[in-house]
Protein backbone atom coordinates (compact mmCIF):
# COMPACT_ATOMS: atom_id res chain seq x y z
CA MET A 1 -4.06 64.64 -45.93
CA LEU A 2 -4.28 60.85 -46.52
CA ALA A 3 -1.08 60.26 -47.49
CA ASN A 4 0.63 62.21 -44.72
CA LYS A 5 1.37 58.93 -42.58
CA TYR A 6 4.21 57.05 -40.97
CA PRO A 7 4.64 53.35 -41.87
CA LEU A 8 3.55 51.28 -39.07
CA GLY A 9 2.00 48.25 -40.49
CA TYR A 10 1.41 45.86 -43.90
CA PHE A 11 -1.52 47.27 -45.62
CA PRO A 12 -4.06 46.21 -46.92
CA THR A 13 -4.55 43.41 -44.51
CA PRO A 14 -6.14 40.19 -46.00
CA LEU A 15 -9.79 39.10 -46.15
CA GLU A 16 -10.56 35.71 -45.10
CA LYS A 17 -13.69 34.19 -46.13
CA MET A 18 -15.86 32.59 -43.26
CA SER A 19 -16.44 29.57 -44.82
CA ASN A 20 -19.07 28.33 -42.22
CA LEU A 21 -21.56 31.32 -42.03
CA SER A 22 -21.32 31.55 -45.61
CA LYS A 23 -22.57 28.25 -45.83
CA LYS A 24 -25.18 29.07 -43.04
CA TYR A 25 -26.32 32.31 -44.93
CA GLN A 26 -26.23 30.97 -48.40
CA ASP A 27 -27.24 34.43 -49.70
CA TYR A 28 -24.20 36.21 -48.81
CA GLN A 29 -20.57 35.87 -49.26
CA LEU A 30 -19.17 36.82 -45.83
CA PHE A 31 -15.36 37.83 -44.97
CA ILE A 32 -13.88 39.06 -41.99
CA LYS A 33 -10.60 41.84 -42.21
CA ARG A 34 -7.64 40.61 -40.46
CA ASP A 35 -6.31 43.44 -39.24
CA ASP A 36 -4.72 41.17 -36.51
CA ASN A 37 -2.32 40.92 -39.30
CA SER A 38 -1.03 44.58 -39.36
CA GLY A 39 2.15 43.70 -38.06
CA LEU A 40 2.66 45.94 -35.33
CA ALA A 41 2.82 44.34 -31.38
CA SER A 42 0.09 41.90 -32.49
CA GLY A 43 -1.85 43.70 -34.98
CA GLY A 44 -5.31 45.58 -34.80
CA ASN A 45 -7.17 48.53 -36.33
CA LYS A 46 -5.46 51.09 -34.29
CA VAL A 47 -2.42 51.28 -35.94
CA ARG A 48 -4.30 52.76 -38.79
CA LYS A 49 -4.88 55.94 -36.90
CA LEU A 50 -1.59 55.83 -35.09
CA GLN A 51 -0.08 56.12 -38.64
CA TYR A 52 -1.39 59.77 -38.92
CA PHE A 53 -0.91 60.71 -35.43
CA ILE A 54 2.91 59.56 -35.32
CA TYR A 55 2.93 61.21 -38.97
CA GLU A 56 1.89 64.61 -37.31
CA ALA A 57 4.16 64.21 -34.31
CA LEU A 58 7.47 63.85 -36.27
CA ASN A 59 6.33 66.66 -38.67
CA LYS A 60 5.83 68.80 -35.84
CA ALA A 61 8.68 67.90 -34.06
CA TYR A 62 7.18 66.72 -30.92
CA ASP A 63 9.35 64.18 -28.94
CA THR A 64 6.39 62.61 -26.97
CA ILE A 65 3.33 61.02 -27.23
CA ILE A 66 0.65 60.84 -24.19
CA THR A 67 -2.66 58.86 -24.22
CA ALA A 68 -4.75 56.96 -21.80
CA GLY A 69 -6.83 54.29 -21.28
CA ALA A 70 -7.35 50.78 -19.20
CA GLN A 71 -4.16 48.83 -17.82
CA GLN A 72 -5.25 46.33 -20.82
CA SER A 73 -5.89 48.71 -23.56
CA ASN A 74 -5.05 47.32 -27.07
CA HIS A 75 -4.51 51.40 -28.07
CA CYS A 76 -1.62 51.45 -25.07
CA ARG A 77 -0.26 48.80 -26.16
CA GLN A 78 -0.29 49.86 -29.93
CA THR A 79 0.97 53.82 -29.09
CA ALA A 80 3.83 52.08 -27.02
CA ALA A 81 4.97 49.98 -30.05
CA ALA A 82 4.10 52.77 -32.67
CA CYS A 83 6.45 55.35 -30.60
CA ALA A 84 9.21 52.59 -30.24
CA ARG A 85 9.21 52.30 -33.87
CA ALA A 86 9.21 55.98 -34.58
CA GLY A 87 11.82 56.78 -31.88
CA LEU A 88 9.16 59.02 -29.84
CA ALA A 89 8.70 58.81 -25.93
CA CYS A 90 5.54 57.55 -24.64
CA TYR A 91 3.34 58.01 -21.30
CA LEU A 92 0.66 56.38 -21.02
CA LEU A 93 -2.08 57.12 -18.14
CA LEU A 94 -4.00 54.01 -16.98
CA GLY A 95 -6.63 53.96 -14.86
CA GLY A 96 -7.26 51.11 -12.20
CA GLU A 97 -5.50 49.93 -8.83
CA LYS A 98 -1.98 49.34 -8.81
CA PRO A 99 -0.82 46.06 -10.37
CA LYS A 100 0.44 43.10 -8.42
CA ILE A 101 2.42 41.94 -11.39
CA PHE A 102 2.67 43.25 -15.14
CA ASN A 103 0.99 41.26 -17.44
CA GLY A 104 -1.26 41.36 -20.63
CA ASN A 105 -0.99 44.40 -22.39
CA LEU A 106 0.53 46.01 -19.02
CA LEU A 107 3.31 43.88 -19.70
CA LEU A 108 3.84 44.64 -23.51
CA SER A 109 2.98 48.19 -23.29
CA HIS A 110 6.00 48.25 -20.49
CA LEU A 111 8.51 46.27 -22.63
CA LEU A 112 7.90 48.46 -25.58
CA GLY A 113 9.26 51.53 -24.05
CA GLY A 114 5.96 53.13 -22.59
CA ARG A 115 6.14 55.00 -19.36
CA ILE A 116 3.23 53.88 -17.31
CA PHE A 117 1.28 55.71 -14.89
CA ILE A 118 -1.67 54.57 -13.08
CA LEU A 119 -4.39 57.19 -12.09
CA MET A 120 -6.02 56.26 -9.06
CA GLU A 121 -9.38 58.32 -8.01
CA ARG A 122 -10.11 58.61 -4.12
CA ILE A 123 -13.14 60.14 -2.55
CA GLY A 124 -12.08 61.71 0.94
CA LYS A 125 -13.13 64.42 3.65
CA GLY A 126 -11.65 67.04 1.05
CA GLY A 127 -13.35 65.38 -1.84
CA ARG A 128 -11.96 63.71 -4.76
CA VAL A 129 -8.18 63.26 -4.61
CA LEU A 130 -6.32 62.13 -7.76
CA ARG A 131 -3.29 60.09 -7.03
CA VAL A 132 -0.70 59.32 -9.74
CA LEU A 133 1.48 56.26 -9.32
CA ASN A 134 4.64 56.14 -11.23
CA LEU A 135 5.45 52.56 -12.04
CA ASN A 136 8.68 53.05 -14.20
């Protein structure tokens, strides 16, 4: 199972010694894992799990990945990048209000080809209403 992954990043990512903290806590040699160097759309640990999801989607002949998160979600940005690399469509269901401008991860997700939908929940006389805004 662990061998069944789609290559999305540069692994293993480096360990960097945390010299100042190691001096402060002299009984320990402290390091940080630099998953920001994984190589996919500004990196991050999400790349590790996406390698397995993308592999499975391609292996089962799926053509689309759908995921949800916040408008500035690192996971959604990484998913859009992984889908772009693998040739899959990507639909992002994001919470919050309609943005005035695209910035940060929302902008990157859009530039990477993610189809963006904003899910807005309202409470009215008839109860809860879910409104979906297509920002594509």
